[in-house]
Amino acid sequence: MSRYGKTYTVFGVICILGAMTTLTAYAVPLYELFCKVTGYGGTTQIAKGSAKRVLDRKITVRFNADTNLELPWEFQAVQNAVSVKIGEPVLAFYQAKSLTNFDVTGTATFNVVPNKAGKYFNKVECFCFTEQTLKAGETVDFPVQFHIDPAFSDDRRLDDVDTITLSYTFFKAAGSKNKLSKNPAWTKKISLKGSSLKAVN
């Protein structure tokens, strides 16, 4: 092989390695973007406001809560389920309680079941959008405001769906340090103004 041929080969290998590195770096963001756009894997959507119309068809939304073993919190849904009309604004709550004597920051992952409903489950406000910090012994009620997109009823694949389960799992946030708290245990409730409460135990 000539010197020029070897140069082209080395250049080609470098380009391939560079492309593979770039794809690896962007694989997770691209996958997350794909899930958000398509609702793949039960990924919910983010809406800027309420739905433009409310339908008569009702859906039961159930709430599930899990906590990773590394996070010293109790985490549960305040209500078991709600019955809502498609397009109707809904406000529900989850509750978290710190079981430690130091401040801990957590982050929540989420999805809905059945997965095919994720594309139409729109969150307007949610504690899962940002990391949450609980002080020692603190109890907090976290709100989630959502509605089901009216386009749900136009999707024939969802004709058999009358129940959706919204699930959250809280994990200890990366970089969260066990910082001793100087404040006593207390309880607070984060509220959202202008939302209709439809939570029913």
N, C-alpha and C. Protein backbone atom coordinates (compact mmCIF):
# COMPACT_ATOMS: atom_id res chain seq x y z
N MET A 1 0.85 -1.19 0.00
CA MET A 1 0.00 0.00 0.00
C MET A 1 0.88 1.24 0.00
N SER A 2 0.52 2.23 -0.82
CA SER A 2 1.31 3.46 -0.91
C SER A 2 1.13 4.31 0.34
N ARG A 3 2.02 5.30 0.45
CA ARG A 3 1.94 6.19 1.61
C ARG A 3 0.62 6.93 1.65
N TYR A 4 0.14 7.33 0.44
CA TYR A 4 -1.14 8.05 0.38
C TYR A 4 -2.30 7.14 0.77
N GLY A 5 -2.18 5.87 0.36
CA GLY A 5 -3.24 4.92 0.70
C GLY A 5 -3.32 4.73 2.20
N LYS A 6 -2.18 4.62 2.87
CA LYS A 6 -2.16 4.46 4.33
C LYS A 6 -2.73 5.70 5.02
N THR A 7 -2.41 6.86 4.45
CA THR A 7 -2.90 8.11 5.04
C THR A 7 -4.43 8.16 4.99
N TYR A 8 -5.01 7.76 3.84
CA TYR A 8 -6.47 7.74 3.69
C TYR A 8 -7.10 6.74 4.65
N THR A 9 -6.43 5.60 4.83
CA THR A 9 -6.97 4.58 5.73
C THR A 9 -7.00 5.08 7.17
N VAL A 10 -5.90 5.68 7.61
CA VAL A 10 -5.83 6.23 8.96
C VAL A 10 -6.87 7.33 9.15
N PHE A 11 -6.99 8.19 8.14
CA PHE A 11 -7.97 9.26 8.20
C PHE A 11 -9.39 8.71 8.31
N GLY A 12 -9.65 7.64 7.54
CA GLY A 12 -10.97 7.01 7.58
C GLY A 12 -11.28 6.43 8.94
N VAL A 13 -10.27 5.75 9.53
CA VAL A 13 -10.46 5.16 10.86
C VAL A 13 -10.74 6.24 11.90
N ILE A 14 -9.99 7.36 11.81
CA ILE A 14 -10.19 8.46 12.75
C ILE A 14 -11.61 9.04 12.62
N CYS A 15 -12.09 9.16 11.39
CA CYS A 15 -13.44 9.69 11.16
C CYS A 15 -14.49 8.76 11.75
N ILE A 16 -14.29 7.45 11.56
CA ILE A 16 -15.24 6.47 12.10
C ILE A 16 -15.27 6.53 13.62
N LEU A 17 -14.08 6.59 14.22
CA LEU A 17 -14.00 6.66 15.69
C LEU A 17 -14.65 7.95 16.21
N GLY A 18 -14.43 9.05 15.47
CA GLY A 18 -15.03 10.32 15.87
C GLY A 18 -16.55 10.27 15.79
N ALA A 19 -17.06 9.63 14.73
CA ALA A 19 -18.51 9.51 14.57
C ALA A 19 -19.11 8.65 15.67
N MET A 20 -18.41 7.55 16.01
CA MET A 20 -18.90 6.65 17.06
C MET A 20 -18.92 7.37 18.41
N THR A 21 -17.89 8.17 18.67
CA THR A 21 -17.83 8.92 19.93
C THR A 21 -18.97 9.93 20.01
N THR A 22 -19.23 10.61 18.90
CA THR A 22 -20.31 11.60 18.85
C THR A 22 -21.66 10.95 19.08
N LEU A 23 -21.90 9.81 18.42
CA LEU A 23 -23.17 9.10 18.57
C LEU A 23 -23.36 8.63 20.00
N THR A 24 -22.28 8.17 20.61
CA THR A 24 -22.36 7.70 22.00
C THR A 24 -22.72 8.84 22.94
N ALA A 25 -22.10 10.00 22.70
CA ALA A 25 -22.34 11.16 23.57
C ALA A 25 -23.77 11.66 23.47
N TYR A 26 -24.35 11.56 22.27
CA TYR A 26 -25.70 12.08 22.06
C TYR A 26 -26.77 11.01 22.09
N ALA A 27 -26.41 9.77 22.35
CA ALA A 27 -27.37 8.67 22.31
C ALA A 27 -28.49 8.87 23.32
N VAL A 28 -28.13 9.21 24.57
CA VAL A 28 -29.14 9.38 25.61
C VAL A 28 -30.05 10.58 25.33
N PRO A 29 -29.50 11.78 25.03
CA PRO A 29 -30.38 12.91 24.71
C PRO A 29 -31.30 12.64 23.52
N LEU A 30 -30.77 11.98 22.49
CA LEU A 30 -31.59 11.69 21.31
C LEU A 30 -32.70 10.69 21.65
N TYR A 31 -32.37 9.71 22.49
CA TYR A 31 -33.38 8.73 22.90
C TYR A 31 -34.47 9.40 23.73
N GLU A 32 -34.06 10.30 24.65
CA GLU A 32 -35.04 11.00 25.47
C GLU A 32 -35.94 11.88 24.60
N LEU A 33 -35.35 12.55 23.59
CA LEU A 33 -36.13 13.37 22.68
C LEU A 33 -37.13 12.52 21.91
N PHE A 34 -36.68 11.35 21.45
CA PHE A 34 -37.55 10.44 20.72
C PHE A 34 -38.73 10.01 21.59
N CYS A 35 -38.46 9.68 22.85
CA CYS A 35 -39.51 9.25 23.78
C CYS A 35 -40.51 10.36 24.04
N LYS A 36 -40.00 11.61 24.20
CA LYS A 36 -40.88 12.73 24.47
C LYS A 36 -41.80 13.01 23.29
N VAL A 37 -41.29 12.88 22.09
CA VAL A 37 -42.07 13.18 20.89
C VAL A 37 -43.09 12.10 20.60
N THR A 38 -42.71 10.85 20.80
CA THR A 38 -43.58 9.73 20.42
C THR A 38 -44.35 9.12 21.57
N GLY A 39 -43.94 9.41 22.82
CA GLY A 39 -44.58 8.76 23.95
C GLY A 39 -44.09 7.35 24.15
N TYR A 40 -43.00 6.98 23.50
CA TYR A 40 -42.46 5.62 23.57
C TYR A 40 -42.11 5.26 25.02
N GLY A 41 -42.45 4.04 25.39
CA GLY A 41 -42.15 3.56 26.74
C GLY A 41 -43.00 4.22 27.81
N GLY A 42 -44.13 4.81 27.41
CA GLY A 42 -45.01 5.44 28.38
C GLY A 42 -44.55 6.82 28.82
N THR A 43 -43.62 7.43 28.05
CA THR A 43 -43.14 8.77 28.39
C THR A 43 -44.25 9.79 28.20
N THR A 44 -44.49 10.59 29.23
CA THR A 44 -45.54 11.59 29.16
C THR A 44 -45.07 12.83 28.42
N GLN A 45 -46.02 13.72 28.11
CA GLN A 45 -45.72 14.95 27.39
C GLN A 45 -45.81 16.15 28.32
N ILE A 46 -45.27 17.28 27.88
CA ILE A 46 -45.35 18.52 28.64
C ILE A 46 -46.20 19.51 27.86
N ALA A 47 -47.22 20.06 28.52
CA ALA A 47 -48.12 21.02 27.88
C ALA A 47 -47.94 22.39 28.52
N LYS A 48 -48.16 23.44 27.75
CA LYS A 48 -48.01 24.80 28.25
C LYS A 48 -49.29 25.32 28.89
N GLY A 49 -50.40 24.64 28.66
CA GLY A 49 -51.67 25.10 29.23
C GLY A 49 -52.73 24.02 29.15
N SER A 50 -53.96 24.40 29.41
CA SER A 50 -55.06 23.45 29.42
C SER A 50 -55.45 23.04 28.00
N ALA A 51 -56.19 21.93 27.92
CA ALA A 51 -56.69 21.47 26.63
C ALA A 51 -57.78 22.42 26.12
N LYS A 52 -57.96 22.47 24.82
CA LYS A 52 -58.92 23.40 24.23
C LYS A 52 -60.36 22.91 24.33
N ARG A 53 -60.54 21.62 24.62
CA ARG A 53 -61.89 21.09 24.75
C ARG A 53 -61.90 19.94 25.75
N VAL A 54 -63.08 19.72 26.34
CA VAL A 54 -63.27 18.64 27.29
C VAL A 54 -64.35 17.70 26.75
N LEU A 55 -64.04 16.42 26.72
CA LEU A 55 -64.97 15.42 26.18
C LEU A 55 -65.74 14.74 27.31
N ASP A 56 -66.82 14.06 26.95
CA ASP A 56 -67.63 13.35 27.93
C ASP A 56 -66.98 12.04 28.37
N ARG A 57 -66.14 11.47 27.52
CA ARG A 57 -65.51 10.20 27.85
C ARG A 57 -64.63 10.33 29.09
N LYS A 58 -64.78 9.38 30.00
CA LYS A 58 -64.01 9.41 31.24
C LYS A 58 -62.93 8.34 31.28
N ILE A 59 -61.84 8.69 31.95
CA ILE A 59 -60.72 7.78 32.14
C ILE A 59 -60.38 7.75 33.63
N THR A 60 -60.09 6.57 34.15
CA THR A 60 -59.62 6.46 35.53
C THR A 60 -58.10 6.55 35.52
N VAL A 61 -57.55 7.47 36.29
CA VAL A 61 -56.09 7.61 36.40
C VAL A 61 -55.69 7.12 37.79
N ARG A 62 -54.86 6.10 37.83
CA ARG A 62 -54.35 5.57 39.08
C ARG A 62 -52.93 6.09 39.32
N PHE A 63 -52.52 6.12 40.58
CA PHE A 63 -51.24 6.71 40.93
C PHE A 63 -50.37 5.68 41.67
N ASN A 64 -49.12 5.58 41.21
CA ASN A 64 -48.17 4.64 41.81
C ASN A 64 -46.91 5.39 42.23
N ALA A 65 -46.32 4.97 43.35
CA ALA A 65 -45.11 5.64 43.85
C ALA A 65 -44.10 4.61 44.33
N ASP A 66 -42.85 4.77 43.93
CA ASP A 66 -41.75 3.89 44.34
C ASP A 66 -40.55 4.74 44.73
N THR A 67 -39.70 4.17 45.57
CA THR A 67 -38.49 4.87 46.01
C THR A 67 -37.29 3.95 45.90
N ASN A 68 -36.24 4.44 45.28
CA ASN A 68 -35.00 3.67 45.20
C ASN A 68 -34.42 3.48 46.60
N LEU A 69 -33.81 2.32 46.84
CA LEU A 69 -33.30 1.98 48.16
C LEU A 69 -32.24 2.95 48.68
N GLU A 70 -31.54 3.63 47.79
CA GLU A 70 -30.49 4.56 48.22
C GLU A 70 -31.04 5.89 48.72
N LEU A 71 -32.32 6.13 48.50
CA LEU A 71 -32.93 7.39 48.93
C LEU A 71 -33.73 7.15 50.21
N PRO A 72 -33.33 7.75 51.34
CA PRO A 72 -34.00 7.51 52.62
C PRO A 72 -35.29 8.33 52.79
N TRP A 73 -36.22 8.12 51.90
CA TRP A 73 -37.52 8.80 51.94
C TRP A 73 -38.65 7.79 51.96
N GLU A 74 -39.80 8.22 52.49
CA GLU A 74 -41.07 7.55 52.23
C GLU A 74 -41.76 8.36 51.15
N PHE A 75 -42.28 7.68 50.15
CA PHE A 75 -42.89 8.38 49.02
C PHE A 75 -44.16 7.65 48.63
N GLN A 76 -45.27 8.37 48.56
CA GLN A 76 -46.55 7.73 48.26
C GLN A 76 -47.50 8.71 47.58
N ALA A 77 -48.50 8.18 46.91
CA ALA A 77 -49.54 9.01 46.31
C ALA A 77 -50.55 9.37 47.39
N VAL A 78 -50.99 10.63 47.42
CA VAL A 78 -51.98 11.06 48.40
C VAL A 78 -53.34 10.46 48.08
N GLN A 79 -53.68 10.35 46.80
CA GLN A 79 -54.92 9.74 46.37
C GLN A 79 -54.60 8.47 45.58
N ASN A 80 -55.50 7.50 45.64
CA ASN A 80 -55.28 6.24 44.92
C ASN A 80 -55.60 6.37 43.44
N ALA A 81 -56.70 7.08 43.13
CA ALA A 81 -57.13 7.19 41.75
C ALA A 81 -58.09 8.36 41.60
N VAL A 82 -58.23 8.84 40.37
CA VAL A 82 -59.22 9.87 40.05
C VAL A 82 -59.94 9.47 38.78
N SER A 83 -61.19 9.88 38.67
CA SER A 83 -61.97 9.67 37.44
C SER A 83 -62.13 11.02 36.78
N VAL A 84 -61.62 11.17 35.57
CA VAL A 84 -61.62 12.48 34.91
C VAL A 84 -62.12 12.37 33.48
N LYS A 85 -62.64 13.48 33.01
CA LYS A 85 -63.03 13.56 31.61
C LYS A 85 -61.78 13.88 30.78
N ILE A 86 -61.74 13.37 29.58
CA ILE A 86 -60.62 13.65 28.69
C ILE A 86 -60.59 15.16 28.37
N GLY A 87 -59.44 15.77 28.57
CA GLY A 87 -59.28 17.20 28.35
C GLY A 87 -59.47 18.03 29.60
N GLU A 88 -59.99 17.43 30.67
CA GLU A 88 -60.25 18.16 31.91
C GLU A 88 -58.96 18.37 32.70
N PRO A 89 -58.73 19.60 33.22
CA PRO A 89 -57.53 19.84 34.03
C PRO A 89 -57.65 19.14 35.38
N VAL A 90 -56.57 18.50 35.81
CA VAL A 90 -56.58 17.71 37.04
C VAL A 90 -55.38 18.10 37.91
N LEU A 91 -55.61 18.18 39.21
CA LEU A 91 -54.55 18.44 40.17
C LEU A 91 -54.52 17.29 41.17
N ALA A 92 -53.38 16.62 41.27
CA ALA A 92 -53.21 15.52 42.21
C ALA A 92 -51.93 15.74 43.01
N PHE A 93 -51.77 14.97 44.08
CA PHE A 93 -50.61 15.15 44.95
C PHE A 93 -49.93 13.84 45.29
N TYR A 94 -48.60 13.93 45.40
CA TYR A 94 -47.77 12.86 45.97
C TYR A 94 -47.13 13.43 47.22
N GLN A 95 -46.82 12.55 48.18
CA GLN A 95 -46.21 13.01 49.42
C GLN A 95 -44.87 12.31 49.66
N ALA A 96 -43.88 13.11 50.05
CA ALA A 96 -42.56 12.57 50.37
C ALA A 96 -42.18 12.97 51.79
N LYS A 97 -41.57 12.03 52.52
CA LYS A 97 -41.13 12.30 53.88
C LYS A 97 -39.69 11.84 54.05
N SER A 98 -38.83 12.72 54.57
CA SER A 98 -37.44 12.38 54.82
C SER A 98 -37.32 11.57 56.11
N LEU A 99 -36.54 10.50 56.06
CA LEU A 99 -36.36 9.62 57.22
C LEU A 99 -34.99 9.79 57.84
N THR A 100 -34.31 10.89 57.54
CA THR A 100 -32.94 11.09 58.00
C THR A 100 -32.81 12.37 58.82
N ASN A 101 -31.62 12.57 59.39
CA ASN A 101 -31.33 13.80 60.12
C ASN A 101 -30.45 14.74 59.31
N PHE A 102 -30.48 14.58 57.99
CA PHE A 102 -29.73 15.46 57.11
C PHE A 102 -30.54 15.75 55.85
N ASP A 103 -30.17 16.81 55.14
CA ASP A 103 -30.86 17.21 53.92
C ASP A 103 -30.50 16.24 52.79
N VAL A 104 -31.50 15.88 51.98
CA VAL A 104 -31.27 14.98 50.85
C VAL A 104 -32.03 15.51 49.64
N THR A 105 -31.38 15.45 48.48
CA THR A 105 -32.02 15.87 47.23
C THR A 105 -32.36 14.65 46.39
N GLY A 106 -33.57 14.62 45.89
CA GLY A 106 -34.02 13.50 45.06
C GLY A 106 -34.48 13.97 43.69
N THR A 107 -34.55 13.05 42.76
CA THR A 107 -35.05 13.33 41.42
C THR A 107 -35.98 12.19 41.00
N ALA A 108 -37.07 12.53 40.34
CA ALA A 108 -38.09 11.54 40.02
C ALA A 108 -38.13 11.20 38.54
N THR A 109 -38.21 9.91 38.24
CA THR A 109 -38.49 9.45 36.88
C THR A 109 -39.96 9.08 36.82
N PHE A 110 -40.50 8.98 35.62
CA PHE A 110 -41.94 8.78 35.50
C PHE A 110 -42.31 8.09 34.20
N ASN A 111 -43.48 7.49 34.18
CA ASN A 111 -44.04 6.93 32.96
C ASN A 111 -45.51 6.59 33.21
N VAL A 112 -46.23 6.28 32.16
CA VAL A 112 -47.61 5.84 32.31
C VAL A 112 -47.78 4.48 31.65
N VAL A 113 -48.75 3.73 32.15
CA VAL A 113 -49.13 2.44 31.61
C VAL A 113 -50.64 2.47 31.35
N PRO A 114 -51.08 2.02 30.15
CA PRO A 114 -50.30 1.40 29.08
C PRO A 114 -49.40 2.42 28.37
N ASN A 115 -48.29 1.91 27.86
CA ASN A 115 -47.30 2.78 27.22
C ASN A 115 -47.88 3.61 26.08
N LYS A 116 -48.84 3.03 25.37
CA LYS A 116 -49.39 3.71 24.19
C LYS A 116 -50.17 4.96 24.56
N ALA A 117 -50.48 5.14 25.85
CA ALA A 117 -51.21 6.32 26.29
C ALA A 117 -50.29 7.49 26.61
N GLY A 118 -48.99 7.23 26.70
CA GLY A 118 -48.04 8.27 27.08
C GLY A 118 -48.06 9.48 26.18
N LYS A 119 -48.30 9.26 24.91
CA LYS A 119 -48.31 10.35 23.93
C LYS A 119 -49.39 11.38 24.22
N TYR A 120 -50.43 10.96 24.94
CA TYR A 120 -51.58 11.84 25.17
C TYR A 120 -51.71 12.31 26.62
N PHE A 121 -50.77 11.90 27.46
CA PHE A 121 -50.81 12.30 28.87
C PHE A 121 -49.97 13.55 29.04
N ASN A 122 -50.61 14.69 29.19
CA ASN A 122 -49.93 15.99 29.19
C ASN A 122 -49.81 16.58 30.60
N LYS A 123 -48.58 16.81 31.03
CA LYS A 123 -48.34 17.46 32.31
C LYS A 123 -48.13 18.95 32.08
N VAL A 124 -48.80 19.75 32.91
CA VAL A 124 -48.65 21.20 32.84
C VAL A 124 -47.64 21.66 33.88
N GLU A 125 -47.77 21.14 35.10
CA GLU A 125 -46.82 21.41 36.18
C GLU A 125 -46.53 20.09 36.89
N CYS A 126 -45.27 19.90 37.30
CA CYS A 126 -44.94 18.64 37.97
C CYS A 126 -43.66 18.78 38.78
N PHE A 127 -43.65 18.17 39.96
CA PHE A 127 -42.46 18.16 40.81
C PHE A 127 -41.31 17.43 40.14
N CYS A 128 -41.64 16.60 39.14
CA CYS A 128 -40.62 15.81 38.46
C CYS A 128 -39.80 16.63 37.47
N PHE A 129 -40.20 17.87 37.21
CA PHE A 129 -39.46 18.70 36.26
C PHE A 129 -38.12 19.17 36.83
N THR A 130 -38.00 19.20 38.16
CA THR A 130 -36.77 19.64 38.80
C THR A 130 -36.43 18.73 39.97
N GLU A 131 -35.20 18.83 40.46
CA GLU A 131 -34.81 18.07 41.64
C GLU A 131 -35.50 18.65 42.87
N GLN A 132 -35.75 17.80 43.87
CA GLN A 132 -36.43 18.23 45.08
C GLN A 132 -35.56 17.92 46.30
N THR A 133 -35.45 18.89 47.20
CA THR A 133 -34.65 18.71 48.41
C THR A 133 -35.55 18.70 49.64
N LEU A 134 -35.39 17.69 50.48
CA LEU A 134 -36.11 17.60 51.74
C LEU A 134 -35.12 17.77 52.89
N LYS A 135 -35.51 18.59 53.86
CA LYS A 135 -34.69 18.75 55.05
C LYS A 135 -34.93 17.58 55.99
N ALA A 136 -34.16 17.48 57.02
CA ALA A 136 -34.27 16.37 57.97
C ALA A 136 -35.68 16.27 58.53
N GLY A 137 -36.30 15.11 58.36
CA GLY A 137 -37.63 14.86 58.89
C GLY A 137 -38.76 15.60 58.22
N GLU A 138 -38.47 16.31 57.14
CA GLU A 138 -39.49 17.13 56.48
C GLU A 138 -40.45 16.28 55.67
N THR A 139 -41.73 16.70 55.66
CA THR A 139 -42.76 16.08 54.84
C THR A 139 -43.29 17.11 53.85
N VAL A 140 -43.35 16.75 52.58
CA VAL A 140 -43.78 17.68 51.54
C VAL A 140 -44.83 17.03 50.65
N ASP A 141 -45.89 17.76 50.35
CA ASP A 141 -46.88 17.33 49.36
C ASP A 141 -46.51 17.95 48.01
N PHE A 142 -46.22 17.10 47.04
CA PHE A 142 -45.83 17.57 45.71
C PHE A 142 -47.01 17.50 44.75
N PRO A 143 -47.33 18.60 44.05
CA PRO A 143 -48.45 18.60 43.11
C PRO A 143 -48.03 18.17 41.70
N VAL A 144 -48.99 17.62 41.00
CA VAL A 144 -48.83 17.36 39.57
C VAL A 144 -50.14 17.76 38.89
N GLN A 145 -50.03 18.66 37.93
CA GLN A 145 -51.20 19.13 37.19
C GLN A 145 -51.13 18.58 35.77
N PHE A 146 -52.21 17.97 35.32
CA PHE A 146 -52.17 17.31 34.02
C PHE A 146 -53.55 17.28 33.37
N HIS A 147 -53.58 16.89 32.13
CA HIS A 147 -54.82 16.56 31.43
C HIS A 147 -54.52 15.54 30.35
N ILE A 148 -55.55 14.86 29.91
CA ILE A 148 -55.41 13.89 28.83
C ILE A 148 -55.82 14.57 27.53
N ASP A 149 -54.94 14.56 26.55
CA ASP A 149 -55.18 15.23 25.28
C ASP A 149 -56.45 14.67 24.63
N PRO A 150 -57.37 15.55 24.18
CA PRO A 150 -58.58 15.09 23.51
C PRO A 150 -58.32 14.20 22.30
N ALA A 151 -57.12 14.32 21.71
CA ALA A 151 -56.76 13.46 20.57
C ALA A 151 -56.71 11.99 20.99
N PHE A 152 -56.68 11.74 22.28
CA PHE A 152 -56.73 10.37 22.82
C PHE A 152 -57.91 9.60 22.23
N SER A 153 -59.07 10.28 22.14
CA SER A 153 -60.29 9.61 21.66
C SER A 153 -60.29 9.37 20.16
N ASP A 154 -59.38 10.02 19.45
CA ASP A 154 -59.30 9.83 18.00
C ASP A 154 -58.39 8.67 17.62
N ASP A 155 -57.64 8.17 18.59
CA ASP A 155 -56.71 7.08 18.35
C ASP A 155 -57.42 5.75 18.59
N ARG A 156 -57.68 5.03 17.52
CA ARG A 156 -58.44 3.77 17.63
C ARG A 156 -57.71 2.71 18.45
N ARG A 157 -56.39 2.85 18.59
CA ARG A 157 -55.63 1.89 19.40
C ARG A 157 -55.98 1.99 20.87
N LEU A 158 -56.61 3.11 21.25
CA LEU A 158 -56.91 3.36 22.65
C LEU A 158 -58.38 3.17 22.99
N ASP A 159 -59.14 2.60 22.07
CA ASP A 159 -60.57 2.37 22.31
C ASP A 159 -60.81 1.47 23.51
N ASP A 160 -59.86 0.58 23.79
CA ASP A 160 -60.04 -0.38 24.89
C ASP A 160 -59.44 0.12 26.21
N VAL A 161 -58.90 1.33 26.21
CA VAL A 161 -58.25 1.85 27.41
C VAL A 161 -59.22 2.70 28.22
N ASP A 162 -59.48 2.29 29.45
CA ASP A 162 -60.31 3.08 30.35
C ASP A 162 -59.59 3.41 31.66
N THR A 163 -58.34 2.90 31.80
CA THR A 163 -57.54 3.17 32.99
C THR A 163 -56.09 3.44 32.61
N ILE A 164 -55.53 4.48 33.18
CA ILE A 164 -54.12 4.83 32.98
C ILE A 164 -53.46 4.90 34.35
N THR A 165 -52.27 4.31 34.48
CA THR A 165 -51.53 4.38 35.73
C THR A 165 -50.32 5.30 35.56
N LEU A 166 -50.25 6.33 36.40
CA LEU A 166 -49.12 7.26 36.40
C LEU A 166 -48.16 6.84 37.51
N SER A 167 -46.93 6.54 37.14
CA SER A 167 -45.95 6.04 38.11
C SER A 167 -44.74 6.97 38.22
N TYR A 168 -44.28 7.13 39.46
CA TYR A 168 -43.06 7.89 39.72
C TYR A 168 -42.13 7.03 40.57
N THR A 169 -40.84 7.16 40.29
CA THR A 169 -39.82 6.55 41.14
C THR A 169 -38.81 7.62 41.51
N PHE A 170 -38.61 7.82 42.80
CA PHE A 170 -37.65 8.82 43.28
C PHE A 170 -36.29 8.17 43.51
N PHE A 171 -35.25 8.82 43.02
CA PHE A 171 -33.87 8.39 43.21
C PHE A 171 -33.10 9.50 43.92
N LYS A 172 -32.02 9.13 44.59
CA LYS A 172 -31.14 10.13 45.16
C LYS A 172 -30.43 10.84 44.02
N ALA A 173 -30.48 12.16 44.02
CA ALA A 173 -29.89 12.94 42.93
C ALA A 173 -28.37 12.80 42.93
N ALA A 174 -27.80 12.78 41.75
CA ALA A 174 -26.35 12.71 41.62
C ALA A 174 -25.73 13.93 42.27
N GLY A 175 -24.72 13.72 43.10
CA GLY A 175 -24.06 14.82 43.76
C GLY A 175 -24.71 15.26 45.06
N SER A 176 -25.84 14.63 45.42
CA SER A 176 -26.50 14.98 46.68
C SER A 176 -25.65 14.53 47.86
N LYS A 177 -25.36 15.46 48.77
CA LYS A 177 -24.52 15.16 49.92
C LYS A 177 -25.36 15.09 51.18
N ASN A 178 -24.94 14.26 52.12
CA ASN A 178 -25.65 14.11 53.38
C ASN A 178 -25.28 15.26 54.32
N LYS A 179 -25.96 16.39 54.13
CA LYS A 179 -25.68 17.59 54.91
C LYS A 179 -26.61 17.66 56.10
N LEU A 180 -26.04 17.73 57.31
CA LEU A 180 -26.85 17.80 58.52
C LEU A 180 -27.73 19.05 58.48
N SER A 181 -28.98 18.87 58.88
CA SER A 181 -29.92 19.99 58.86
C SER A 181 -30.01 20.64 60.23
N LYS A 182 -30.10 21.97 60.24
CA LYS A 182 -30.23 22.72 61.48
C LYS A 182 -31.69 23.02 61.79
N ASN A 183 -32.58 22.68 60.85
CA ASN A 183 -34.00 22.99 61.04
C ASN A 183 -34.75 21.77 61.56
N PRO A 184 -35.76 21.95 62.40
CA PRO A 184 -36.55 20.83 62.90
C PRO A 184 -37.47 20.28 61.83
N ALA A 185 -38.03 19.09 62.10
CA ALA A 185 -38.95 18.47 61.15
C ALA A 185 -40.19 19.35 60.98
N TRP A 186 -40.70 19.47 59.77
CA TRP A 186 -41.88 20.26 59.51
C TRP A 186 -42.56 19.76 58.25
N THR A 187 -43.74 20.27 58.01
CA THR A 187 -44.54 19.83 56.87
C THR A 187 -44.94 21.04 56.03
N LYS A 188 -44.85 20.91 54.74
CA LYS A 188 -45.30 21.98 53.86
C LYS A 188 -46.02 21.39 52.67
N LYS A 189 -46.85 22.20 52.04
CA LYS A 189 -47.61 21.76 50.88
C LYS A 189 -47.44 22.77 49.77
N ILE A 190 -46.91 22.31 48.65
CA ILE A 190 -46.72 23.18 47.49
C ILE A 190 -48.04 23.23 46.73
N SER A 191 -48.58 24.41 46.50
CA SER A 191 -49.88 24.52 45.85
C SER A 191 -49.76 25.16 44.48
N LEU A 192 -50.74 24.85 43.63
CA LEU A 192 -50.84 25.46 42.31
C LEU A 192 -52.15 26.23 42.26
N LYS A 193 -52.07 27.51 41.94
CA LYS A 193 -53.28 28.34 41.90
C LYS A 193 -54.01 28.16 40.58
N GLY A 194 -55.34 28.31 40.66
CA GLY A 194 -56.15 28.30 39.45
C GLY A 194 -56.36 26.92 38.86
N SER A 195 -56.17 25.86 39.61
CA SER A 195 -56.35 24.50 39.11
C SER A 195 -57.54 23.84 39.77
N SER A 196 -58.27 23.08 39.00
CA SER A 196 -59.41 22.37 39.58
C SER A 196 -58.93 21.07 40.20
N LEU A 197 -59.36 20.83 41.43
CA LEU A 197 -58.93 19.62 42.15
C LEU A 197 -59.91 18.50 41.87
N LYS A 198 -59.39 17.40 41.32
CA LYS A 198 -60.24 16.27 40.98
C LYS A 198 -59.79 14.99 41.69
N ALA A 199 -58.88 15.11 42.62
CA ALA A 199 -58.37 13.92 43.29
C ALA A 199 -59.44 13.32 44.18
N VAL A 200 -59.63 12.03 44.06
CA VAL A 200 -60.63 11.31 44.85
C VAL A 200 -59.99 10.07 45.43
N ASN A 201 -60.02 9.90 46.75
CA ASN A 201 -59.43 8.71 47.38
C ASN A 201 -60.25 7.47 47.05
